[in-house]
Amino acid sequence: MTPAVRLLKARGIAHEVTSYELGAESVSYGRDAAEALALPPASVFKTLLAQLDDERLVVALVPVDAMLDLKALAKAAGARRARMAEIAVAERTTGYLVGGISPLGQKKRLPTFIDESALALEVMHVSGGRRGLEISLAPADLVALTDARASALARH
């Protein structure tokens, strides 16, 4: 059981955990999850770490069929610029491996921003904290657990 799943169970949050097989040459874990579980890509969110110009780290969630707009993230976080965090920094800070970073149960709690499209969904899907593990839950529950701020972060 991952820290993300433990957190949901401990808080009594309704959720579903699904596992799936990853291809040997997987590079787009979120897209692979959507395809393997036959989910609309707009409902599957990837968890990304970015570093702001003042060196703060933040978490951003966007649908797997979109790219993170770093300018929009910087603006939402009150910074001038943002860049993707280095893989080693993301893994060390969250306690998860890239491709399995969950927005829940991270080692260090970071400011979290979620694309506003999630709020229109009944159920959204995020990494469960391991490659090949997906959690389904209500967007409002994810927002409450992470204190996420919704903003237009996705670029299609």
Protein backbone atom coordinates (compact mmCIF):
# COMPACT_ATOMS: atom_id res chain seq x y z
CA MET A 1 0.00 0.00 0.00
CA THR A 2 1.41 3.39 -0.98
CA PRO A 3 1.36 6.52 1.20
CA ALA A 4 -1.33 7.94 -1.12
CA VAL A 5 -3.66 4.98 -0.57
CA ARG A 6 -2.93 4.95 3.17
CA LEU A 7 -3.87 8.63 3.40
CA LEU A 8 -7.20 8.07 1.65
CA LYS A 9 -8.02 5.09 3.87
CA ALA A 10 -7.03 6.95 7.04
CA ARG A 11 -9.24 9.92 6.13
CA GLY A 12 -12.17 7.74 5.07
CA ILE A 13 -12.25 9.27 1.58
CA ALA A 14 -14.24 7.36 -1.05
CA HIS A 15 -11.85 6.16 -3.75
CA GLU A 16 -11.03 3.27 -6.02
CA VAL A 17 -7.57 1.85 -6.67
CA THR A 18 -6.86 0.20 -10.01
CA SER A 19 -3.66 -1.38 -11.23
CA TYR A 20 -2.64 -1.97 -14.81
CA GLU A 21 0.30 -3.35 -16.75
CA LEU A 22 2.81 -0.92 -18.19
CA GLY A 23 4.49 -1.54 -21.51
CA ALA A 24 8.24 -2.10 -21.35
CA GLU A 25 8.92 1.10 -23.25
CA SER A 26 6.43 3.35 -21.49
CA VAL A 27 7.31 7.06 -21.50
CA SER A 28 3.88 8.65 -21.07
CA TYR A 29 2.61 7.04 -17.89
CA GLY A 30 -0.59 9.09 -17.71
CA ARG A 31 -1.56 8.36 -21.30
CA ASP A 32 -0.74 4.70 -20.71
CA ALA A 33 -3.03 4.68 -17.68
CA ALA A 34 -5.89 6.25 -19.65
CA GLU A 35 -5.46 3.73 -22.45
CA ALA A 36 -5.00 0.66 -20.23
CA LEU A 37 -8.04 1.53 -18.09
CA ALA A 38 -10.18 2.80 -21.01
CA LEU A 39 -10.60 6.21 -19.36
CA PRO A 40 -11.15 9.54 -21.11
CA PRO A 41 -7.73 11.25 -21.14
CA ALA A 42 -9.34 14.49 -19.92
CA SER A 43 -10.22 12.72 -16.64
CA VAL A 44 -6.72 11.33 -16.00
CA PHE A 45 -4.35 13.88 -14.43
CA LYS A 46 -0.58 13.82 -14.36
CA THR A 47 1.24 15.12 -11.31
CA LEU A 48 4.13 17.40 -12.19
CA LEU A 49 6.63 19.26 -10.04
CA ALA A 50 7.83 22.70 -11.02
CA GLN A 51 10.33 25.10 -9.52
CA LEU A 52 9.48 28.78 -9.33
CA ASP A 53 11.96 31.60 -9.91
CA ASP A 54 12.31 31.98 -6.13
CA GLU A 55 13.29 28.25 -5.97
CA ARG A 56 10.03 27.13 -4.30
CA LEU A 57 8.70 23.80 -5.52
CA VAL A 58 5.03 23.43 -6.42
CA VAL A 59 2.83 20.59 -7.62
CA ALA A 60 0.71 20.99 -10.76
CA LEU A 61 -2.00 18.62 -11.99
CA VAL A 62 -3.13 18.73 -15.62
CA PRO A 63 -4.98 16.26 -17.84
CA VAL A 64 -2.71 13.77 -19.62
CA ASP A 65 -3.97 15.01 -22.99
CA ALA A 66 -2.62 18.51 -22.27
CA MET A 67 0.67 20.19 -21.45
CA LEU A 68 1.37 22.28 -18.38
CA ASP A 69 1.45 25.99 -19.17
CA LEU A 70 4.40 27.09 -17.04
CA LYS A 71 3.57 30.79 -17.41
CA ALA A 72 0.04 30.17 -16.12
CA LEU A 73 1.41 28.12 -13.22
CA ALA A 74 3.89 30.85 -12.30
CA LYS A 75 1.12 33.44 -12.34
CA ALA A 76 -1.18 31.23 -10.21
CA ALA A 77 1.66 30.73 -7.71
CA GLY A 78 2.51 34.43 -7.57
CA ALA A 79 5.87 34.07 -9.33
CA ARG A 80 7.35 35.47 -12.52
CA ARG A 81 8.61 32.20 -13.98
CA ALA A 82 8.39 28.45 -13.47
CA ARG A 83 10.35 25.56 -14.90
CA MET A 84 10.00 21.82 -14.57
CA ALA A 85 11.83 20.46 -11.53
CA GLU A 86 14.71 18.08 -12.12
CA ILE A 87 13.74 14.42 -11.90
CA ALA A 88 16.02 13.74 -8.92
CA VAL A 89 14.55 16.73 -7.05
CA ALA A 90 10.98 15.63 -7.81
CA GLU A 91 11.65 12.08 -6.62
CA ARG A 92 13.55 13.11 -3.48
CA THR A 93 10.93 15.71 -2.49
CA THR A 94 7.84 13.56 -3.07
CA GLY A 95 9.21 10.13 -2.14
CA TYR A 96 7.79 8.74 -5.39
CA LEU A 97 9.41 7.75 -8.69
CA VAL A 98 8.64 9.81 -11.79
CA GLY A 99 5.75 8.12 -13.59
CA GLY A 100 4.25 7.24 -10.23
CA ILE A 101 4.20 10.59 -8.43
CA SER A 102 0.91 10.98 -6.64
CA PRO A 103 -0.41 14.34 -5.46
CA LEU A 104 -1.32 12.55 -2.22
CA GLY A 105 0.95 11.29 0.55
CA GLN A 106 4.08 13.09 -0.59
CA LYS A 107 7.04 13.23 1.83
CA LYS A 108 6.95 17.03 1.83
CA ARG A 109 3.67 18.87 1.43
CA LEU A 110 3.96 21.42 -1.36
CA PRO A 111 1.63 24.12 -2.67
CA THR A 112 -0.63 22.37 -5.17
CA PHE A 113 -2.35 23.76 -8.26
CA ILE A 114 -4.90 21.87 -10.30
CA ASP A 115 -6.23 22.62 -13.74
CA GLU A 116 -9.74 24.02 -13.37
CA SER A 117 -11.10 21.41 -15.80
CA ALA A 118 -10.97 18.87 -12.94
CA LEU A 119 -13.73 20.69 -11.09
CA ALA A 120 -16.24 19.84 -13.82
CA LEU A 121 -15.61 16.10 -13.42
CA GLU A 122 -17.51 13.70 -11.19
CA VAL A 123 -14.46 11.48 -10.86
CA MET A 124 -10.84 12.16 -11.67
CA HIS A 125 -7.91 9.77 -11.82
CA VAL A 126 -4.41 10.36 -10.45
CA SER A 127 -1.35 8.24 -9.81
CA GLY A 128 -1.60 6.04 -6.78
CA GLY A 129 2.07 6.46 -5.94
CA ARG A 130 3.51 3.71 -8.09
CA ARG A 131 3.81 3.21 -11.82
CA GLY A 132 0.82 1.14 -12.90
CA LEU A 133 -1.40 2.19 -9.97
CA GLU A 134 -4.23 4.67 -10.42
CA ILE A 135 -6.60 6.24 -7.86
CA SER A 136 -10.10 7.42 -8.78
CA LEU A 137 -11.73 9.98 -6.51
CA ALA A 138 -13.93 13.06 -6.46
CA PRO A 139 -12.06 16.24 -7.47
CA ALA A 140 -13.42 18.04 -4.39
CA ASP A 141 -11.78 15.41 -2.16
CA LEU A 142 -8.43 15.81 -3.89
CA VAL A 143 -8.65 19.60 -3.60
CA ALA A 144 -9.51 19.34 0.10
CA LEU A 145 -6.69 16.87 0.88
CA THR A 146 -4.03 18.90 -0.92
CA ASP A 147 -5.39 22.43 -0.38
CA ALA A 148 -5.11 22.76 -4.16
CA ARG A 149 -5.94 25.98 -5.93
CA ALA A 150 -7.75 25.65 -9.25
CA SER A 151 -6.51 27.64 -12.20
CA ALA A 152 -6.28 27.42 -16.00
CA LEU A 153 -3.01 25.48 -16.26
CA ALA A 154 -3.54 23.19 -19.26
CA ARG A 155 -2.41 24.01 -22.76
CA HIS A 156 -3.90 21.81 -25.52
